Amino acid sequence: MKLKTILIIGLAGVAGYVLGSRAGRAPYEELAEGAKKAWNSPEVKKAVREAKRDLKRAGRKITR
């Protein structure tokens, strides 16, 4: 079962690469720019800080 899952993921990656290379660089650049804007937005930065804080707290509770 594990081999089948790995094979499916690998084939999906190859298919994505082929389709992406046919579309050209412009769609990739557009997607990358949107991802950068989203990652650098104040809302996402706040959510990341809160998630880090919560994970630290959870880790402290587990190690006690």
C-alpha atoms as a PDB file:
ATOM      1  CA  MET A   1       0.000   0.000   0.000  1.00  0.00           C
ATOM      2  CA  LYS A   2       2.828   2.379   0.852  1.00  0.00           C
ATOM      3  CA  LEU A   3       4.518   1.750  -2.510  1.00  0.00           C
ATOM      4  CA  LYS A   4       1.255   2.423  -4.338  1.00  0.00           C
ATOM      5  CA  THR A   5       0.863   5.760  -2.529  1.00  0.00           C
ATOM      6  CA  ILE A   6       4.434   6.790  -3.342  1.00  0.00           C
ATOM      7  CA  LEU A   7       3.939   5.822  -6.975  1.00  0.00           C
ATOM      8  CA  ILE A   8       0.728   7.864  -7.253  1.00  0.00           C
ATOM      9  CA  ILE A   9       2.370  10.907  -5.663  1.00  0.00           C
ATOM     10  CA  GLY A  10       5.350  10.578  -8.000  1.00  0.00           C
ATOM     11  CA  LEU A  11       3.156  10.347 -11.086  1.00  0.00           C
ATOM     12  CA  ALA A  12       1.137  13.353  -9.953  1.00  0.00           C
ATOM     13  CA  GLY A  13       4.371  15.304  -9.548  1.00  0.00           C
ATOM     14  CA  VAL A  14       5.522  14.383 -13.041  1.00  0.00           C
ATOM     15  CA  ALA A  15       2.140  15.314 -14.505  1.00  0.00           C
ATOM     16  CA  GLY A  16       2.222  18.644 -12.700  1.00  0.00           C
ATOM     17  CA  TYR A  17       5.709  19.353 -13.982  1.00  0.00           C
ATOM     18  CA  VAL A  18       4.756  18.575 -17.575  1.00  0.00           C
ATOM     19  CA  LEU A  19       1.584  20.639 -17.465  1.00  0.00           C
ATOM     20  CA  GLY A  20       3.369  23.504 -15.749  1.00  0.00           C
ATOM     21  CA  SER A  21       6.194  23.560 -18.256  1.00  0.00           C
ATOM     22  CA  ARG A  22       3.692  23.710 -21.104  1.00  0.00           C
ATOM     23  CA  ALA A  23       1.932  26.682 -19.527  1.00  0.00           C
ATOM     24  CA  GLY A  24       5.160  28.658 -19.444  1.00  0.00           C
ATOM     25  CA  ARG A  25       6.822  30.803 -16.842  1.00  0.00           C
ATOM     26  CA  ALA A  26       4.199  33.560 -16.563  1.00  0.00           C
ATOM     27  CA  PRO A  27       1.604  31.539 -14.612  1.00  0.00           C
ATOM     28  CA  TYR A  28       4.338  30.356 -12.245  1.00  0.00           C
ATOM     29  CA  GLU A  29       5.538  33.911 -11.656  1.00  0.00           C
ATOM     30  CA  GLU A  30       1.969  35.049 -11.008  1.00  0.00           C
ATOM     31  CA  LEU A  31       1.413  32.241  -8.518  1.00  0.00           C
ATOM     32  CA  ALA A  32       4.738  32.885  -6.785  1.00  0.00           C
ATOM     33  CA  GLU A  33       4.004  36.598  -6.455  1.00  0.00           C
ATOM     34  CA  GLY A  34       0.583  35.878  -4.955  1.00  0.00           C
ATOM     35  CA  ALA A  35       2.121  33.440  -2.477  1.00  0.00           C
ATOM     36  CA  LYS A  36       4.729  36.022  -1.434  1.00  0.00           C
ATOM     37  CA  LYS A  37       2.043  38.658  -0.899  1.00  0.00           C
ATOM     38  CA  ALA A  38      -0.053  36.261   1.161  1.00  0.00           C
ATOM     39  CA  TRP A  39       2.909  35.080   3.270  1.00  0.00           C
ATOM     40  CA  ASN A  40       3.989  38.650   3.995  1.00  0.00           C
ATOM     41  CA  SER A  41       0.513  39.912   4.902  1.00  0.00           C
ATOM     42  CA  PRO A  42       0.012  41.088   8.496  1.00  0.00           C
ATOM     43  CA  GLU A  43      -2.789  38.574   9.064  1.00  0.00           C
ATOM     44  CA  VAL A  44      -0.616  35.602   8.106  1.00  0.00           C
ATOM     45  CA  LYS A  45       2.329  36.882  10.145  1.00  0.00           C
ATOM     46  CA  LYS A  46       0.051  37.196  13.169  1.00  0.00           C
ATOM     47  CA  ALA A  47      -1.327  33.684  12.648  1.00  0.00           C
ATOM     48  CA  VAL A  48       2.217  32.279  12.383  1.00  0.00           C
ATOM     49  CA  ARG A  49       3.269  34.019  15.611  1.00  0.00           C
ATOM     50  CA  GLU A  50       0.199  32.687  17.414  1.00  0.00           C
ATOM     51  CA  ALA A  51       0.737  29.158  16.095  1.00  0.00           C
ATOM     52  CA  LYS A  52       4.378  29.197  17.236  1.00  0.00           C
ATOM     53  CA  ARG A  53       3.313  30.449  20.663  1.00  0.00           C
ATOM     54  CA  ASP A  54       0.639  27.768  20.981  1.00  0.00           C
ATOM     55  CA  LEU A  55       3.042  25.022  19.915  1.00  0.00           C
ATOM     56  CA  LYS A  56       5.600  26.134  22.482  1.00  0.00           C
ATOM     57  CA  ARG A  57       2.945  26.066  25.194  1.00  0.00           C
ATOM     58  CA  ALA A  58       1.772  22.624  24.123  1.00  0.00           C
ATOM     59  CA  GLY A  59       5.346  21.366  24.105  1.00  0.00           C
ATOM     60  CA  ARG A  60       5.909  22.623  27.632  1.00  0.00           C
ATOM     61  CA  LYS A  61       2.775  20.819  28.833  1.00  0.00           C
ATOM     62  CA  ILE A  62       3.910  17.560  27.243  1.00  0.00           C
ATOM     63  CA  THR A  63       7.388  17.700  28.770  1.00  0.00           C
ATOM     64  CA  ARG A  64       6.102  18.328  32.299  1.00  0.00           C
END
